[in-house]
C-alpha atoms as a PDB file:
ATOM      1  CA  MET A   1      -8.245 -65.489 -12.259  1.00  0.00           C
ATOM      2  CA  LYS A   2      -4.513 -65.507 -11.365  1.00  0.00           C
ATOM      3  CA  PHE A   3      -3.280 -64.780 -14.835  1.00  0.00           C
ATOM      4  CA  ASN A   4      -3.376 -61.861 -17.163  1.00  0.00           C
ATOM      5  CA  TYR A   5      -2.958 -61.524 -21.101  1.00  0.00           C
ATOM      6  CA  THR A   6       1.022 -61.051 -20.639  1.00  0.00           C
ATOM      7  CA  ASP A   7       1.129 -64.641 -19.308  1.00  0.00           C
ATOM      8  CA  VAL A   8      -1.222 -66.005 -22.260  1.00  0.00           C
ATOM      9  CA  TYR A   9       0.814 -64.132 -24.824  1.00  0.00           C
ATOM     10  CA  GLU A  10       4.220 -65.620 -23.020  1.00  0.00           C
ATOM     11  CA  LYS A  11       2.611 -68.937 -23.533  1.00  0.00           C
ATOM     12  CA  TYR A  12       0.999 -68.903 -26.974  1.00  0.00           C
ATOM     13  CA  GLY A  13       2.985 -65.922 -28.544  1.00  0.00           C
ATOM     14  CA  GLU A  14       1.789 -63.892 -31.973  1.00  0.00           C
ATOM     15  CA  ASN A  15       0.938 -66.685 -33.821  1.00  0.00           C
ATOM     16  CA  PHE A  16      -0.748 -69.918 -32.651  1.00  0.00           C
ATOM     17  CA  LYS A  17      -3.112 -72.564 -33.541  1.00  0.00           C
ATOM     18  CA  CYS A  18      -6.359 -73.538 -32.452  1.00  0.00           C
ATOM     19  CA  GLU A  19      -5.819 -76.698 -30.135  1.00  0.00           C
ATOM     20  CA  LEU A  20      -8.787 -78.509 -31.341  1.00  0.00           C
ATOM     21  CA  THR A  21      -8.686 -77.943 -35.170  1.00  0.00           C
ATOM     22  CA  GLY A  22      -5.075 -76.812 -35.756  1.00  0.00           C
ATOM     23  CA  ARG A  23      -6.322 -73.635 -37.719  1.00  0.00           C
ATOM     24  CA  PRO A  24      -3.420 -70.814 -37.698  1.00  0.00           C
ATOM     25  CA  LEU A  25      -4.851 -68.002 -35.183  1.00  0.00           C
ATOM     26  CA  LYS A  26      -3.279 -64.679 -34.225  1.00  0.00           C
ATOM     27  CA  TRP A  27      -3.016 -62.500 -31.296  1.00  0.00           C
ATOM     28  CA  ARG A  28      -4.405 -59.453 -32.865  1.00  0.00           C
ATOM     29  CA  GLU A  29      -7.459 -60.797 -34.036  1.00  0.00           C
ATOM     30  CA  PRO A  30      -9.234 -61.695 -30.884  1.00  0.00           C
ATOM     31  CA  GLY A  31     -12.617 -62.091 -32.557  1.00  0.00           C
ATOM     32  CA  ALA A  32     -11.097 -65.349 -34.171  1.00  0.00           C
ATOM     33  CA  TYR A  33     -10.344 -67.237 -30.833  1.00  0.00           C
ATOM     34  CA  GLU A  34     -11.996 -67.832 -27.557  1.00  0.00           C
ATOM     35  CA  TYR A  35     -10.650 -69.387 -24.058  1.00  0.00           C
ATOM     36  CA  ASP A  36     -12.112 -73.047 -23.578  1.00  0.00           C
ATOM     37  CA  HIS A  37     -12.211 -74.869 -20.353  1.00  0.00           C
ATOM     38  CA  ILE A  38     -10.542 -78.220 -20.946  1.00  0.00           C
ATOM     39  CA  VAL A  39     -12.899 -79.405 -18.209  1.00  0.00           C
ATOM     40  CA  PRO A  40     -15.739 -77.295 -18.281  1.00  0.00           C
ATOM     41  CA  VAL A  41     -16.747 -75.430 -15.282  1.00  0.00           C
ATOM     42  CA  SER A  42     -20.029 -77.417 -15.141  1.00  0.00           C
ATOM     43  CA  LYS A  43     -18.168 -80.715 -15.064  1.00  0.00           C
ATOM     44  CA  GLY A  44     -15.885 -79.496 -12.199  1.00  0.00           C
ATOM     45  CA  GLY A  45     -13.116 -77.671 -14.182  1.00  0.00           C
ATOM     46  CA  SER A  46     -11.623 -74.338 -12.947  1.00  0.00           C
ATOM     47  CA  ASN A  47     -10.455 -70.964 -14.307  1.00  0.00           C
ATOM     48  CA  GLU A  48      -7.060 -71.800 -13.639  1.00  0.00           C
ATOM     49  CA  PHE A  49      -4.372 -71.131 -16.274  1.00  0.00           C
ATOM     50  CA  GLU A  50      -3.777 -74.859 -16.711  1.00  0.00           C
ATOM     51  CA  ASN A  51      -7.488 -75.660 -17.469  1.00  0.00           C
ATOM     52  CA  LEU A  52      -7.699 -72.928 -20.329  1.00  0.00           C
ATOM     53  CA  GLN A  53      -6.820 -73.555 -24.066  1.00  0.00           C
ATOM     54  CA  ILE A  54      -7.283 -71.067 -26.988  1.00  0.00           C
ATOM     55  CA  VAL A  55      -9.296 -72.426 -29.595  1.00  0.00           C
ATOM     56  CA  CYS A  56     -11.381 -70.723 -32.882  1.00  0.00           C
ATOM     57  CA  ARG A  57     -14.708 -69.365 -32.103  1.00  0.00           C
ATOM     58  CA  GLN A  58     -16.613 -72.060 -33.984  1.00  0.00           C
ATOM     59  CA  ALA A  59     -14.669 -75.234 -32.703  1.00  0.00           C
ATOM     60  CA  ASN A  60     -15.559 -73.480 -29.033  1.00  0.00           C
ATOM     61  CA  ARG A  61     -19.210 -72.712 -29.743  1.00  0.00           C
ATOM     62  CA  ALA A  62     -19.387 -76.246 -31.393  1.00  0.00           C
ATOM     63  CA  LYS A  63     -17.912 -77.780 -28.258  1.00  0.00           C
ATOM     64  CA  GLY A  64     -20.085 -75.968 -25.693  1.00  0.00           C
ATOM     65  CA  ASP A  65     -19.568 -77.760 -22.308  1.00  0.00           C
ATOM     66  CA  MET A  66     -18.617 -81.162 -23.483  1.00  0.00           C
ATOM     67  CA  MET A  67     -15.209 -82.640 -22.477  1.00  0.00           C
ATOM     68  CA  GLN A  68     -12.800 -82.699 -24.846  1.00  0.00           C
ATOM     69  CA  ASP A  69     -12.722 -86.100 -25.454  1.00  0.00           C
ATOM     70  CA  ASP A  70     -16.304 -86.217 -25.870  1.00  0.00           C
ATOM     71  CA  PHE A  71     -16.285 -83.515 -28.374  1.00  0.00           C
ATOM     72  CA  ILE A  72     -13.603 -85.373 -30.357  1.00  0.00           C
ATOM     73  CA  ARG A  73     -15.626 -88.665 -30.314  1.00  0.00           C
ATOM     74  CA  LEU A  74     -18.616 -86.900 -31.414  1.00  0.00           C
ATOM     75  CA  CYS A  75     -16.497 -85.179 -34.429  1.00  0.00           C
ATOM     76  CA  ARG A  76     -15.572 -88.804 -35.586  1.00  0.00           C
ATOM     77  CA  GLN A  77     -19.111 -89.803 -35.498  1.00  0.00           C
ATOM     78  CA  VAL A  78     -20.188 -87.112 -37.665  1.00  0.00           C
ATOM     79  CA  ILE A  79     -17.689 -87.660 -40.031  1.00  0.00           C
ATOM     80  CA  GLU A  80     -18.188 -91.282 -40.107  1.00  0.00           C
ATOM     81  CA  HIS A  81     -22.128 -90.547 -40.742  1.00  0.00           C
ATOM     82  CA  ALA A  82     -21.186 -88.021 -43.534  1.00  0.00           C
ATOM     83  CA  LYS A  83     -19.008 -90.591 -45.194  1.00  0.00           C
ATOM     84  CA  THR A  84     -21.895 -93.133 -45.131  1.00  0.00           C
ATOM     85  CA  ASN A  85     -24.542 -90.743 -46.642  1.00  0.00           C
ATOM     86  CA  GLU A  86     -21.966 -89.746 -49.454  1.00  0.00           C
ATOM     87  CA  GLU A  87     -21.720 -93.311 -50.479  1.00  0.00           C
ATOM     88  CA  ILE A  88     -25.425 -93.975 -50.605  1.00  0.00           C
ATOM     89  CA  GLU A  89     -26.400 -90.766 -52.238  1.00  0.00           C
ATOM     90  CA  PRO A  90     -25.515 -90.254 -56.188  1.00  0.00           C
END
C-alpha cells in the first residue's frame, strides 16, 4: 500500500460517515469502522487508496467479498422479503 493514516485522515477528517449505511463514525473510535475494498481483492480489486472506503464494522462483515452493487441488491431483496412477511404475519 502506498498510503498511510495521514492520507486517510486528510480524505475523511475527524468525523465521517459509513460509505454503505451513512452511520456517523469517528476517527478516534477505530473499533467502529473498517476499511473496505470497493472492488474486492478476490474479484481483481487492488489495495490502492482509490479502491478503499471506510464502512462500519457491521456493514463490512455483511458485505464480505461481494461487489458493492451486488451487496446493495441483496439488501434490497432482504428488505422486500421482510416487508412481505410483515404483511402476512399478524
